[in-house]
PDB file of N, CA and C in Angstrom:
ATOM      1  N   MET A   1     -11.439 -16.460 -17.510  1.00  0.00           N
ATOM      2  CA  MET A   1     -11.652 -15.174 -18.131  1.00  0.00           C
ATOM      3  C   MET A   1     -10.573 -14.212 -17.650  1.00  0.00           C
ATOM      4  N   LYS A   2     -10.081 -13.420 -18.580  1.00  0.00           N
ATOM      5  CA  LYS A   2      -9.040 -12.457 -18.233  1.00  0.00           C
ATOM      6  C   LYS A   2      -9.673 -11.138 -17.790  1.00  0.00           C
ATOM      7  N   TYR A   3      -9.085 -10.569 -16.743  1.00  0.00           N
ATOM      8  CA  TYR A   3      -9.514  -9.265 -16.228  1.00  0.00           C
ATOM      9  C   TYR A   3      -8.287  -8.390 -16.056  1.00  0.00           C
ATOM     10  N   MET A   4      -8.479  -7.096 -16.295  1.00  0.00           N
ATOM     11  CA  MET A   4      -7.457  -6.120 -15.978  1.00  0.00           C
ATOM     12  C   MET A   4      -7.918  -5.364 -14.745  1.00  0.00           C
ATOM     13  N   LEU A   5      -7.053  -5.270 -13.770  1.00  0.00           N
ATOM     14  CA  LEU A   5      -7.323  -4.524 -12.550  1.00  0.00           C
ATOM     15  C   LEU A   5      -6.517  -3.230 -12.642  1.00  0.00           C
ATOM     16  N   LEU A   6      -7.208  -2.123 -12.811  1.00  0.00           N
ATOM     17  CA  LEU A   6      -6.574  -0.816 -12.971  1.00  0.00           C
ATOM     18  C   LEU A   6      -6.587  -0.099 -11.625  1.00  0.00           C
ATOM     19  N   ILE A   7      -5.435   0.273 -11.158  1.00  0.00           N
ATOM     20  CA  ILE A   7      -5.294   0.831  -9.815  1.00  0.00           C
ATOM     21  C   ILE A   7      -5.147   2.349  -9.911  1.00  0.00           C
ATOM     22  N   TYR A   8      -6.138   3.056  -9.357  1.00  0.00           N
ATOM     23  CA  TYR A   8      -6.153   4.517  -9.373  1.00  0.00           C
ATOM     24  C   TYR A   8      -5.973   5.053  -7.958  1.00  0.00           C
ATOM     25  N   GLY A   9      -5.279   6.147  -7.832  1.00  0.00           N
ATOM     26  CA  GLY A   9      -5.138   6.771  -6.531  1.00  0.00           C
ATOM     27  C   GLY A   9      -4.365   8.071  -6.642  1.00  0.00           C
ATOM     28  N   ASP A  10      -4.338   8.796  -5.568  1.00  0.00           N
ATOM     29  CA  ASP A  10      -3.547  10.013  -5.478  1.00  0.00           C
ATOM     30  C   ASP A  10      -2.114   9.586  -5.199  1.00  0.00           C
ATOM     31  N   GLU A  11      -1.236   9.805  -6.171  1.00  0.00           N
ATOM     32  CA  GLU A  11       0.134   9.314  -6.012  1.00  0.00           C
ATOM     33  C   GLU A  11       0.876   9.999  -4.864  1.00  0.00           C
ATOM     34  N   ASN A  12       0.342  11.091  -4.344  1.00  0.00           N
ATOM     35  CA  ASN A  12       0.964  11.768  -3.203  1.00  0.00           C
ATOM     36  C   ASN A  12       0.424  11.276  -1.864  1.00  0.00           C
ATOM     37  N   ALA A  13      -0.478  10.302  -1.885  1.00  0.00           N
ATOM     38  CA  ALA A  13      -1.096   9.816  -0.655  1.00  0.00           C
ATOM     39  C   ALA A  13      -0.211   8.816   0.091  1.00  0.00           C
ATOM     40  N   TRP A  14       0.863   8.368  -0.548  1.00  0.00           N
ATOM     41  CA  TRP A  14       1.724   7.339   0.040  1.00  0.00           C
ATOM     42  C   TRP A  14       3.011   7.950   0.584  1.00  0.00           C
ATOM     43  N   THR A  15       3.388   7.559   1.784  1.00  0.00           N
ATOM     44  CA  THR A  15       4.713   7.920   2.288  1.00  0.00           C
ATOM     45  C   THR A  15       5.720   7.004   1.592  1.00  0.00           C
ATOM     46  N   PRO A  16       7.000   7.351   1.616  1.00  0.00           N
ATOM     47  CA  PRO A  16       7.992   6.456   1.003  1.00  0.00           C
ATOM     48  C   PRO A  16       7.956   5.042   1.606  1.00  0.00           C
ATOM     49  N   ASP A  17       7.790   4.941   2.919  1.00  0.00           N
ATOM     50  CA  ASP A  17       7.722   3.614   3.552  1.00  0.00           C
ATOM     51  C   ASP A  17       6.469   2.853   3.123  1.00  0.00           C
ATOM     52  N   GLU A  18       5.339   3.552   3.033  1.00  0.00           N
ATOM     53  CA  GLU A  18       4.097   2.911   2.579  1.00  0.00           C
ATOM     54  C   GLU A  18       4.227   2.424   1.137  1.00  0.00           C
ATOM     55  N   ARG A  19       4.886   3.225   0.293  1.00  0.00           N
ATOM     56  CA  ARG A  19       5.072   2.844  -1.109  1.00  0.00           C
ATOM     57  C   ARG A  19       5.941   1.582  -1.208  1.00  0.00           C
ATOM     58  N   MET A  20       6.998   1.522  -0.423  1.00  0.00           N
ATOM     59  CA  MET A  20       7.862   0.336  -0.420  1.00  0.00           C
ATOM     60  C   MET A  20       7.082  -0.897   0.048  1.00  0.00           C
ATOM     61  N   GLN A  21       6.262  -0.729   1.089  1.00  0.00           N
ATOM     62  CA  GLN A  21       5.464  -1.850   1.588  1.00  0.00           C
ATOM     63  C   GLN A  21       4.419  -2.269   0.553  1.00  0.00           C
ATOM     64  N   CYS A  22       3.829  -1.303  -0.122  1.00  0.00           N
ATOM     65  CA  CYS A  22       2.860  -1.581  -1.177  1.00  0.00           C
ATOM     66  C   CYS A  22       3.495  -2.441  -2.271  1.00  0.00           C
ATOM     67  N   MET A  23       4.694  -2.081  -2.693  1.00  0.00           N
ATOM     68  CA  MET A  23       5.369  -2.839  -3.745  1.00  0.00           C
ATOM     69  C   MET A  23       5.733  -4.238  -3.268  1.00  0.00           C
ATOM     70  N   ALA A  24       6.165  -4.354  -2.015  1.00  0.00           N
ATOM     71  CA  ALA A  24       6.492  -5.676  -1.474  1.00  0.00           C
ATOM     72  C   ALA A  24       5.236  -6.547  -1.392  1.00  0.00           C
ATOM     73  N   ASP A  25       4.133  -5.982  -0.903  1.00  0.00           N
ATOM     74  CA  ASP A  25       2.882  -6.735  -0.799  1.00  0.00           C
ATOM     75  C   ASP A  25       2.348  -7.115  -2.180  1.00  0.00           C
ATOM     76  N   SER A  26       2.455  -6.201  -3.137  1.00  0.00           N
ATOM     77  CA  SER A  26       1.994  -6.479  -4.495  1.00  0.00           C
ATOM     78  C   SER A  26       2.825  -7.580  -5.142  1.00  0.00           C
ATOM     79  N   THR A  27       4.127  -7.541  -4.929  1.00  0.00           N
ATOM     80  CA  THR A  27       5.010  -8.580  -5.478  1.00  0.00           C
ATOM     81  C   THR A  27       4.678  -9.940  -4.881  1.00  0.00           C
ATOM     82  N   ALA A  28       4.434  -9.977  -3.582  1.00  0.00           N
ATOM     83  CA  ALA A  28       4.059 -11.241  -2.937  1.00  0.00           C
ATOM     84  C   ALA A  28       2.749 -11.770  -3.512  1.00  0.00           C
ATOM     85  N   LEU A  29       1.792 -10.889  -3.735  1.00  0.00           N
ATOM     86  CA  LEU A  29       0.517 -11.305  -4.318  1.00  0.00           C
ATOM     87  C   LEU A  29       0.728 -11.840  -5.732  1.00  0.00           C
ATOM     88  N   CYS A  30       1.591 -11.215  -6.510  1.00  0.00           N
ATOM     89  CA  CYS A  30       1.891 -11.698  -7.866  1.00  0.00           C
ATOM     90  C   CYS A  30       2.416 -13.140  -7.819  1.00  0.00           C
ATOM     91  N   HIS A  31       3.312 -13.415  -6.891  1.00  0.00           N
ATOM     92  CA  HIS A  31       3.860 -14.774  -6.767  1.00  0.00           C
ATOM     93  C   HIS A  31       2.774 -15.771  -6.351  1.00  0.00           C
ATOM     94  N   GLU A  32       1.911 -15.362  -5.448  1.00  0.00           N
ATOM     95  CA  GLU A  32       0.810 -16.226  -5.019  1.00  0.00           C
ATOM     96  C   GLU A  32      -0.129 -16.531  -6.196  1.00  0.00           C
ATOM     97  N   LEU A  33      -0.481 -15.501  -6.958  1.00  0.00           N
ATOM     98  CA  LEU A  33      -1.357 -15.697  -8.115  1.00  0.00           C
ATOM     99  C   LEU A  33      -0.683 -16.561  -9.176  1.00  0.00           C
ATOM    100  N   LYS A  34       0.631 -16.411  -9.364  1.00  0.00           N
ATOM    101  CA  LYS A  34       1.379 -17.219 -10.328  1.00  0.00           C
ATOM    102  C   LYS A  34       1.293 -18.699  -9.960  1.00  0.00           C
ATOM    103  N   GLU A  35       1.434 -19.006  -8.667  1.00  0.00           N
ATOM    104  CA  GLU A  35       1.351 -20.392  -8.205  1.00  0.00           C
ATOM    105  C   GLU A  35      -0.017 -21.008  -8.490  1.00  0.00           C
ATOM    106  N   LYS A  36      -1.062 -20.178  -8.525  1.00  0.00           N
ATOM    107  CA  LYS A  36      -2.422 -20.647  -8.784  1.00  0.00           C
ATOM    108  C   LYS A  36      -2.771 -20.607 -10.279  1.00  0.00           C
ATOM    109  N   GLY A  37      -1.837 -20.155 -11.115  1.00  0.00           N
ATOM    110  CA  GLY A  37      -2.092 -20.051 -12.540  1.00  0.00           C
ATOM    111  C   GLY A  37      -2.994 -18.881 -12.910  1.00  0.00           C
ATOM    112  N   GLN A  38      -3.075 -17.868 -12.050  1.00  0.00           N
ATOM    113  CA  GLN A  38      -3.970 -16.738 -12.279  1.00  0.00           C
ATOM    114  C   GLN A  38      -3.235 -15.469 -12.693  1.00  0.00           C
ATOM    115  N   PHE A  39      -1.926 -15.438 -12.579  1.00  0.00           N
ATOM    116  CA  PHE A  39      -1.145 -14.238 -12.862  1.00  0.00           C
ATOM    117  C   PHE A  39      -0.762 -14.185 -14.335  1.00  0.00           C
ATOM    118  N   LEU A  40      -1.008 -13.045 -14.973  1.00  0.00           N
ATOM    119  CA  LEU A  40      -0.574 -12.838 -16.348  1.00  0.00           C
ATOM    120  C   LEU A  40       0.422 -11.689 -16.454  1.00  0.00           C
ATOM    121  N   ALA A  41       0.170 -10.587 -15.746  1.00  0.00           N
ATOM    122  CA  ALA A  41       1.078  -9.440 -15.795  1.00  0.00           C
ATOM    123  C   ALA A  41       0.700  -8.459 -14.695  1.00  0.00           C
ATOM    124  N   ALA A  42       1.658  -7.627 -14.314  1.00  0.00           N
ATOM    125  CA  ALA A  42       1.404  -6.548 -13.345  1.00  0.00           C
ATOM    126  C   ALA A  42       2.584  -5.591 -13.397  1.00  0.00           C
ATOM    127  N   SER A  43       2.311  -4.330 -13.111  1.00  0.00           N
ATOM    128  CA  SER A  43       3.396  -3.363 -13.025  1.00  0.00           C
ATOM    129  C   SER A  43       2.888  -2.052 -12.463  1.00  0.00           C
ATOM    130  N   PRO A  44       3.701  -1.415 -11.619  1.00  0.00           N
ATOM    131  CA  PRO A  44       3.385  -0.031 -11.249  1.00  0.00           C
ATOM    132  C   PRO A  44       3.805   0.868 -12.407  1.00  0.00           C
ATOM    133  N   LEU A  45       3.265   2.062 -12.426  1.00  0.00           N
ATOM    134  CA  LEU A  45       3.631   3.039 -13.442  1.00  0.00           C
ATOM    135  C   LEU A  45       4.446   4.163 -12.815  1.00  0.00           C
ATOM    136  N   HIS A  46       5.277   4.805 -13.626  1.00  0.00           N
ATOM    137  CA  HIS A  46       6.018   5.969 -13.147  1.00  0.00           C
ATOM    138  C   HIS A  46       5.022   7.092 -12.833  1.00  0.00           C
ATOM    139  N   PRO A  47       5.421   8.107 -12.067  1.00  0.00           N
ATOM    140  CA  PRO A  47       4.510   9.199 -11.706  1.00  0.00           C
ATOM    141  C   PRO A  47       3.865   9.847 -12.927  1.00  0.00           C
ATOM    142  N   VAL A  48       2.695  10.400 -12.710  1.00  0.00           N
ATOM    143  CA  VAL A  48       1.917  11.009 -13.780  1.00  0.00           C
ATOM    144  C   VAL A  48       2.675  12.161 -14.456  1.00  0.00           C
ATOM    145  N   ALA A  49       3.601  12.772 -13.764  1.00  0.00           N
ATOM    146  CA  ALA A  49       4.389  13.855 -14.357  1.00  0.00           C
ATOM    147  C   ALA A  49       5.239  13.365 -15.525  1.00  0.00           C
ATOM    148  N   THR A  50       5.469  12.067 -15.635  1.00  0.00           N
ATOM    149  CA  THR A  50       6.266  11.519 -16.741  1.00  0.00           C
ATOM    150  C   THR A  50       5.398  11.131 -17.940  1.00  0.00           C
ATOM    151  N   ALA A  51       4.077  11.295 -17.824  1.00  0.00           N
ATOM    152  CA  ALA A  51       3.157  10.867 -18.878  1.00  0.00           C
ATOM    153  C   ALA A  51       3.187  11.810 -20.078  1.00  0.00           C
ATOM    154  N   THR A  52       2.897  11.262 -21.222  1.00  0.00           N
ATOM    155  CA  THR A  52       2.701  12.012 -22.459  1.00  0.00           C
ATOM    156  C   THR A  52       1.401  11.526 -23.070  1.00  0.00           C
ATOM    157  N   SER A  53       0.570  12.437 -23.521  1.00  0.00           N
ATOM    158  CA  SER A  53      -0.707  12.071 -24.148  1.00  0.00           C
ATOM    159  C   SER A  53      -0.696  12.489 -25.607  1.00  0.00           C
ATOM    160  N   ILE A  54      -1.355  11.696 -26.435  1.00  0.00           N
ATOM    161  CA  ILE A  54      -1.427  12.007 -27.859  1.00  0.00           C
ATOM    162  C   ILE A  54      -2.864  11.890 -28.338  1.00  0.00           C
ATOM    163  N   ARG A  55      -3.259  12.828 -29.187  1.00  0.00           N
ATOM    164  CA  ARG A  55      -4.561  12.793 -29.855  1.00  0.00           C
ATOM    165  C   ARG A  55      -4.319  13.084 -31.317  1.00  0.00           C
ATOM    166  N   LEU A  56      -5.165  12.545 -32.159  1.00  0.00           N
ATOM    167  CA  LEU A  56      -5.092  12.844 -33.587  1.00  0.00           C
ATOM    168  C   LEU A  56      -6.273  13.722 -33.954  1.00  0.00           C
ATOM    169  N   GLN A  57      -5.993  14.850 -34.563  1.00  0.00           N
ATOM    170  CA  GLN A  57      -7.042  15.750 -35.036  1.00  0.00           C
ATOM    171  C   GLN A  57      -6.679  16.201 -36.442  1.00  0.00           C
ATOM    172  N   GLY A  58      -7.586  15.926 -37.354  1.00  0.00           N
ATOM    173  CA  GLY A  58      -7.331  16.303 -38.739  1.00  0.00           C
ATOM    174  C   GLY A  58      -6.088  15.643 -39.307  1.00  0.00           C
ATOM    175  N   GLY A  59      -5.790  14.428 -38.843  1.00  0.00           N
ATOM    176  CA  GLY A  59      -4.617  13.709 -39.324  1.00  0.00           C
ATOM    177  C   GLY A  59      -3.308  14.166 -38.717  1.00  0.00           C
ATOM    178  N   LYS A  60      -3.355  15.102 -37.773  1.00  0.00           N
ATOM    179  CA  LYS A  60      -2.135  15.599 -37.137  1.00  0.00           C
ATOM    180  C   LYS A  60      -2.101  15.158 -35.675  1.00  0.00           C
ATOM    181  N   ARG A  61      -0.894  14.881 -35.211  1.00  0.00           N
ATOM    182  CA  ARG A  61      -0.701  14.485 -33.819  1.00  0.00           C
ATOM    183  C   ARG A  61      -0.650  15.706 -32.921  1.00  0.00           C
ATOM    184  N   LEU A  62      -1.403  15.660 -31.841  1.00  0.00           N
ATOM    185  CA  LEU A  62      -1.324  16.673 -30.794  1.00  0.00           C
ATOM    186  C   LEU A  62      -0.727  15.984 -29.575  1.00  0.00           C
ATOM    187  N   ILE A  63       0.452  16.394 -29.187  1.00  0.00           N
ATOM    188  CA  ILE A  63       1.169  15.748 -28.091  1.00  0.00           C
ATOM    189  C   ILE A  63       1.226  16.729 -26.923  1.00  0.00           C
ATOM    190  N   THR A  64       0.828  16.257 -25.741  1.00  0.00           N
ATOM    191  CA  THR A  64       0.879  17.087 -24.541  1.00  0.00           C
ATOM    192  C   THR A  64       1.572  16.328 -23.426  1.00  0.00           C
ATOM    193  N   ASP A  65       2.214  17.069 -22.555  1.00  0.00           N
ATOM    194  CA  ASP A  65       2.816  16.461 -21.370  1.00  0.00           C
ATOM    195  C   ASP A  65       1.730  16.171 -20.363  1.00  0.00           C
ATOM    196  N   GLY A  66       1.883  15.083 -19.635  1.00  0.00           N
ATOM    197  CA  GLY A  66       0.953  14.735 -18.576  1.00  0.00           C
ATOM    198  C   GLY A  66      -0.244  13.955 -19.077  1.00  0.00           C
ATOM    199  N   PRO A  67      -1.143  13.675 -18.154  1.00  0.00           N
ATOM    200  CA  PRO A  67      -2.329  12.894 -18.510  1.00  0.00           C
ATOM    201  C   PRO A  67      -3.329  13.745 -19.293  1.00  0.00           C
ATOM    202  N   PHE A  68      -4.243  13.080 -19.957  1.00  0.00           N
ATOM    203  CA  PHE A  68      -5.259  13.773 -20.747  1.00  0.00           C
ATOM    204  C   PHE A  68      -6.219  14.539 -19.844  1.00  0.00           C
ATOM    205  N   ALA A  69      -6.634  13.925 -18.736  1.00  0.00           N
ATOM    206  CA  ALA A  69      -7.627  14.540 -17.845  1.00  0.00           C
ATOM    207  C   ALA A  69      -6.966  14.979 -16.541  1.00  0.00           C
ATOM    208  N   GLU A  70      -7.392  16.101 -16.040  1.00  0.00           N
ATOM    209  CA  GLU A  70      -6.939  16.573 -14.733  1.00  0.00           C
ATOM    210  C   GLU A  70      -7.826  15.940 -13.670  1.00  0.00           C
ATOM    211  N   THR A  71      -7.266  15.056 -12.874  1.00  0.00           N
ATOM    212  CA  THR A  71      -8.028  14.376 -11.830  1.00  0.00           C
ATOM    213  C   THR A  71      -7.194  14.271 -10.569  1.00  0.00           C
ATOM    214  N   VAL A  72      -7.846  13.992  -9.454  1.00  0.00           N
ATOM    215  CA  VAL A  72      -7.135  13.771  -8.200  1.00  0.00           C
ATOM    216  C   VAL A  72      -6.484  12.393  -8.219  1.00  0.00           C
ATOM    217  N   GLU A  73      -7.195  11.400  -8.761  1.00  0.00           N
ATOM    218  CA  GLU A  73      -6.663  10.044  -8.836  1.00  0.00           C
ATOM    219  C   GLU A  73      -6.065   9.797 -10.215  1.00  0.00           C
ATOM    220  N   GLN A  74      -4.892   9.185 -10.226  1.00  0.00           N
ATOM    221  CA  GLN A  74      -4.230   8.850 -11.472  1.00  0.00           C
ATOM    222  C   GLN A  74      -4.069   7.332 -11.559  1.00  0.00           C
ATOM    223  N   LEU A  75      -3.942   6.836 -12.788  1.00  0.00           N
ATOM    224  CA  LEU A  75      -3.646   5.427 -12.992  1.00  0.00           C
ATOM    225  C   LEU A  75      -2.233   5.184 -12.503  1.00  0.00           C
ATOM    226  N   GLY A  76      -2.102   4.314 -11.519  1.00  0.00           N
ATOM    227  CA  GLY A  76      -0.798   4.083 -10.909  1.00  0.00           C
ATOM    228  C   GLY A  76      -0.195   2.731 -11.208  1.00  0.00           C
ATOM    229  N   GLY A  77      -1.007   1.808 -11.722  1.00  0.00           N
ATOM    230  CA  GLY A  77      -0.496   0.481 -12.020  1.00  0.00           C
ATOM    231  C   GLY A  77      -1.620  -0.435 -12.450  1.00  0.00           C
ATOM    232  N   TYR A  78      -1.256  -1.662 -12.748  1.00  0.00           N
ATOM    233  CA  TYR A  78      -2.255  -2.616 -13.220  1.00  0.00           C
ATOM    234  C   TYR A  78      -1.844  -4.049 -12.911  1.00  0.00           C
ATOM    235  N   PHE A  79      -2.809  -4.918 -12.908  1.00  0.00           N
ATOM    236  CA  PHE A  79      -2.640  -6.366 -12.872  1.00  0.00           C
ATOM    237  C   PHE A  79      -3.470  -6.920 -14.009  1.00  0.00           C
ATOM    238  N   VAL A  80      -3.020  -7.977 -14.654  1.00  0.00           N
ATOM    239  CA  VAL A  80      -3.839  -8.739 -15.593  1.00  0.00           C
ATOM    240  C   VAL A  80      -3.889 -10.144 -15.026  1.00  0.00           C
ATOM    241  N   ILE A  81      -5.117 -10.614 -14.792  1.00  0.00           N
ATOM    242  CA  ILE A  81      -5.307 -11.916 -14.157  1.00  0.00           C
ATOM    243  C   ILE A  81      -6.209 -12.791 -15.028  1.00  0.00           C
ATOM    244  N   ASP A  82      -6.152 -14.087 -14.780  1.00  0.00           N
ATOM    245  CA  ASP A  82      -6.998 -15.046 -15.489  1.00  0.00           C
ATOM    246  C   ASP A  82      -7.700 -15.877 -14.419  1.00  0.00           C
ATOM    247  N   VAL A  83      -8.989 -15.618 -14.234  1.00  0.00           N
ATOM    248  CA  VAL A  83      -9.773 -16.277 -13.191  1.00  0.00           C
ATOM    249  C   VAL A  83     -11.074 -16.808 -13.782  1.00  0.00           C
ATOM    250  N   GLN A  84     -11.819 -17.544 -12.973  1.00  0.00           N
ATOM    251  CA  GLN A  84     -13.054 -18.166 -13.447  1.00  0.00           C
ATOM    252  C   GLN A  84     -14.176 -17.164 -13.682  1.00  0.00           C
ATOM    253  N   ASN A  85     -14.251 -16.124 -12.836  1.00  0.00           N
ATOM    254  CA  ASN A  85     -15.406 -15.230 -12.921  1.00  0.00           C
ATOM    255  C   ASN A  85     -15.125 -13.905 -12.212  1.00  0.00           C
ATOM    256  N   LEU A  86     -16.093 -13.008 -12.300  1.00  0.00           N
ATOM    257  CA  LEU A  86     -15.971 -11.684 -11.690  1.00  0.00           C
ATOM    258  C   LEU A  86     -15.797 -11.772 -10.180  1.00  0.00           C
ATOM    259  N   ASP A  87     -16.465 -12.719  -9.538  1.00  0.00           N
ATOM    260  CA  ASP A  87     -16.325 -12.848  -8.078  1.00  0.00           C
ATOM    261  C   ASP A  87     -14.872 -13.089  -7.680  1.00  0.00           C
ATOM    262  N   GLU A  88     -14.161 -13.934  -8.427  1.00  0.00           N
ATOM    263  CA  GLU A  88     -12.743 -14.174  -8.132  1.00  0.00           C
ATOM    264  C   GLU A  88     -11.924 -12.912  -8.391  1.00  0.00           C
ATOM    265  N   ALA A  89     -12.251 -12.190  -9.449  1.00  0.00           N
ATOM    266  CA  ALA A  89     -11.534 -10.944  -9.757  1.00  0.00           C
ATOM    267  C   ALA A  89     -11.745  -9.922  -8.633  1.00  0.00           C
ATOM    268  N   ILE A  90     -12.969  -9.840  -8.130  1.00  0.00           N
ATOM    269  CA  ILE A  90     -13.268  -8.913  -7.024  1.00  0.00           C
ATOM    270  C   ILE A  90     -12.478  -9.294  -5.778  1.00  0.00           C
ATOM    271  N   GLU A  91     -12.397 -10.587  -5.500  1.00  0.00           N
ATOM    272  CA  GLU A  91     -11.655 -11.048  -4.318  1.00  0.00           C
ATOM    273  C   GLU A  91     -10.188 -10.650  -4.420  1.00  0.00           C
ATOM    274  N   ILE A  92      -9.602 -10.835  -5.588  1.00  0.00           N
ATOM    275  CA  ILE A  92      -8.192 -10.472  -5.779  1.00  0.00           C
ATOM    276  C   ILE A  92      -8.025  -8.952  -5.727  1.00  0.00           C
ATOM    277  N   ALA A  93      -8.902  -8.214  -6.400  1.00  0.00           N
ATOM    278  CA  ALA A  93      -8.804  -6.746  -6.401  1.00  0.00           C
ATOM    279  C   ALA A  93      -8.895  -6.186  -4.987  1.00  0.00           C
ATOM    280  N   SER A  94      -9.691  -6.803  -4.146  1.00  0.00           N
ATOM    281  CA  SER A  94      -9.840  -6.309  -2.775  1.00  0.00           C
ATOM    282  C   SER A  94      -8.582  -6.541  -1.944  1.00  0.00           C
ATOM    283  N   ARG A  95      -7.673  -7.382  -2.425  1.00  0.00           N
ATOM    284  CA  ARG A  95      -6.423  -7.648  -1.719  1.00  0.00           C
ATOM    285  C   ARG A  95      -5.286  -6.747  -2.176  1.00  0.00           C
ATOM    286  N   LEU A  96      -5.500  -5.963  -3.226  1.00  0.00           N
ATOM    287  CA  LEU A  96      -4.444  -5.088  -3.727  1.00  0.00           C
ATOM    288  C   LEU A  96      -4.213  -3.930  -2.759  1.00  0.00           C
ATOM    289  N   PRO A  97      -2.961  -3.637  -2.442  1.00  0.00           N
ATOM    290  CA  PRO A  97      -2.686  -2.519  -1.526  1.00  0.00           C
ATOM    291  C   PRO A  97      -3.283  -1.200  -2.005  1.00  0.00           C
ATOM    292  N   GLY A  98      -3.352  -0.990  -3.305  1.00  0.00           N
ATOM    293  CA  GLY A  98      -3.898   0.248  -3.845  1.00  0.00           C
ATOM    294  C   GLY A  98      -5.360   0.467  -3.518  1.00  0.00           C
ATOM    295  N   ALA A  99      -6.086  -0.600  -3.209  1.00  0.00           N
ATOM    296  CA  ALA A  99      -7.505  -0.479  -2.863  1.00  0.00           C
ATOM    297  C   ALA A  99      -7.687   0.217  -1.516  1.00  0.00           C
ATOM    298  N   LYS A 100      -6.639   0.231  -0.690  1.00  0.00           N
ATOM    299  CA  LYS A 100      -6.728   0.852   0.634  1.00  0.00           C
ATOM    300  C   LYS A 100      -6.728   2.378   0.556  1.00  0.00           C
ATOM    301  N   LYS A 101      -6.094   2.931  -0.485  1.00  0.00           N
ATOM    302  CA  LYS A 101      -5.974   4.385  -0.580  1.00  0.00           C
ATOM    303  C   LYS A 101      -6.566   4.945  -1.863  1.00  0.00           C
ATOM    304  N   GLY A 102      -7.123   4.080  -2.679  1.00  0.00           N
ATOM    305  CA  GLY A 102      -7.654   4.537  -3.957  1.00  0.00           C
ATOM    306  C   GLY A 102      -8.756   3.620  -4.447  1.00  0.00           C
ATOM    307  N   THR A 103      -8.813   3.434  -5.743  1.00  0.00           N
ATOM    308  CA  THR A 103      -9.852   2.662  -6.393  1.00  0.00           C
ATOM    309  C   THR A 103      -9.210   1.630  -7.314  1.00  0.00           C
ATOM    310  N   VAL A 104      -9.772   0.428  -7.339  1.00  0.00           N
ATOM    311  CA  VAL A 104      -9.349  -0.577  -8.303  1.00  0.00           C
ATOM    312  C   VAL A 104     -10.526  -0.821  -9.243  1.00  0.00           C
ATOM    313  N   GLU A 105     -10.329  -0.497 -10.499  1.00  0.00           N
ATOM    314  CA  GLU A 105     -11.347  -0.746 -11.517  1.00  0.00           C
ATOM    315  C   GLU A 105     -11.095  -2.129 -12.105  1.00  0.00           C
ATOM    316  N   ILE A 106     -12.142  -2.931 -12.192  1.00  0.00           N
ATOM    317  CA  ILE A 106     -12.054  -4.291 -12.724  1.00  0.00           C
ATOM    318  C   ILE A 106     -12.723  -4.300 -14.092  1.00  0.00           C
ATOM    319  N   ARG A 107     -11.952  -4.659 -15.123  1.00  0.00           N
ATOM    320  CA  ARG A 107     -12.504  -4.675 -16.482  1.00  0.00           C
ATOM    321  C   ARG A 107     -12.186  -6.002 -17.145  1.00  0.00           C
ATOM    322  N   PRO A 108     -13.212  -6.661 -17.716  1.00  0.00           N
ATOM    323  CA  PRO A 108     -12.916  -7.874 -18.485  1.00  0.00           C
ATOM    324  C   PRO A 108     -12.107  -7.501 -19.726  1.00  0.00           C
ATOM    325  N   VAL A 109     -11.179  -8.366 -20.072  1.00  0.00           N
ATOM    326  CA  VAL A 109     -10.349  -8.141 -21.254  1.00  0.00           C
ATOM    327  C   VAL A 109     -11.075  -8.733 -22.458  1.00  0.00           C
ATOM    328  N   PHE A 110     -11.243  -7.934 -23.482  1.00  0.00           N
ATOM    329  CA  PHE A 110     -11.866  -8.385 -24.729  1.00  0.00           C
ATOM    330  C   PHE A 110     -10.782  -9.091 -25.532  1.00  0.00           C
ATOM    331  N   GLU A 111     -10.980 -10.363 -25.773  1.00  0.00           N
ATOM    332  CA  GLU A 111      -9.971 -11.126 -26.501  1.00  0.00           C
ATOM    333  C   GLU A 111     -10.249 -11.030 -27.995  1.00  0.00           C
ATOM    334  N   LEU A 112      -9.345 -10.381 -28.681  1.00  0.00           N
ATOM    335  CA  LEU A 112      -9.489 -10.121 -30.102  1.00  0.00           C
ATOM    336  C   LEU A 112      -8.704 -11.150 -30.896  1.00  0.00           C
ATOM    337  N   ALA A 113      -9.388 -11.900 -31.733  1.00  0.00           N
ATOM    338  CA  ALA A 113      -8.742 -12.914 -32.557  1.00  0.00           C
ATOM    339  C   ALA A 113      -7.736 -12.263 -33.499  1.00  0.00           C
ATOM    340  N   GLY A 114      -6.640 -12.946 -33.743  1.00  0.00           N
ATOM    341  CA  GLY A 114      -5.653 -12.466 -34.690  1.00  0.00           C
ATOM    342  C   GLY A 114      -4.497 -11.691 -34.081  1.00  0.00           C
ATOM    343  N   LEU A 115      -4.593 -11.346 -32.796  1.00  0.00           N
ATOM    344  CA  LEU A 115      -3.484 -10.645 -32.147  1.00  0.00           C
ATOM    345  C   LEU A 115      -2.385 -11.648 -31.810  1.00  0.00           C
ATOM    346  N   PRO A 116      -1.136 -11.197 -31.805  1.00  0.00           N
ATOM    347  CA  PRO A 116      -0.070 -12.122 -31.416  1.00  0.00           C
ATOM    348  C   PRO A 116      -0.223 -12.512 -29.957  1.00  0.00           C
ATOM    349  N   GLY A 117       0.114 -13.725 -29.632  1.00  0.00           N
ATOM    350  CA  GLY A 117       0.007 -14.202 -28.246  1.00  0.00           C
ATOM    351  C   GLY A 117       1.005 -13.524 -27.339  1.00  0.00           C
ATOM    352  N   VAL A 118       0.513 -12.941 -26.275  1.00  0.00           N
ATOM    353  CA  VAL A 118       1.366 -12.273 -25.305  1.00  0.00           C
ATOM    354  C   VAL A 118       1.378 -13.060 -24.004  1.00  0.00           C
ATOM    355  N   TYR A 119       0.219 -13.519 -23.580  1.00  0.00           N
ATOM    356  CA  TYR A 119       0.092 -14.198 -22.306  1.00  0.00           C
ATOM    357  C   TYR A 119       0.073 -15.688 -22.560  1.00  0.00           C
TER     358      TYR A 119
END
């Protein structure tokens, strides 16, 4: 079953050295998961200040800079994994560096028939 691990946190909570270590640890985990056939995708996101949000109202686009919601924690990155069950997803999510300073949301991926194959 495919799961998306959404990593939320305060992007200002990391020192530059901690951020570099986080990326190194995350990359190592990606390679480990790849060897087990569990890795599908992962990536950090640029800072929330680079975000653009769009809504449609009355057929017109409303475009705003930044995220839609004002929150302390922002979406900072994601992993997409393929594991047997939620317990395996929880085990992997608990190993993500982002879980130490923020929250990792685990969501099953709804597989929609007819989409082009990505993974």
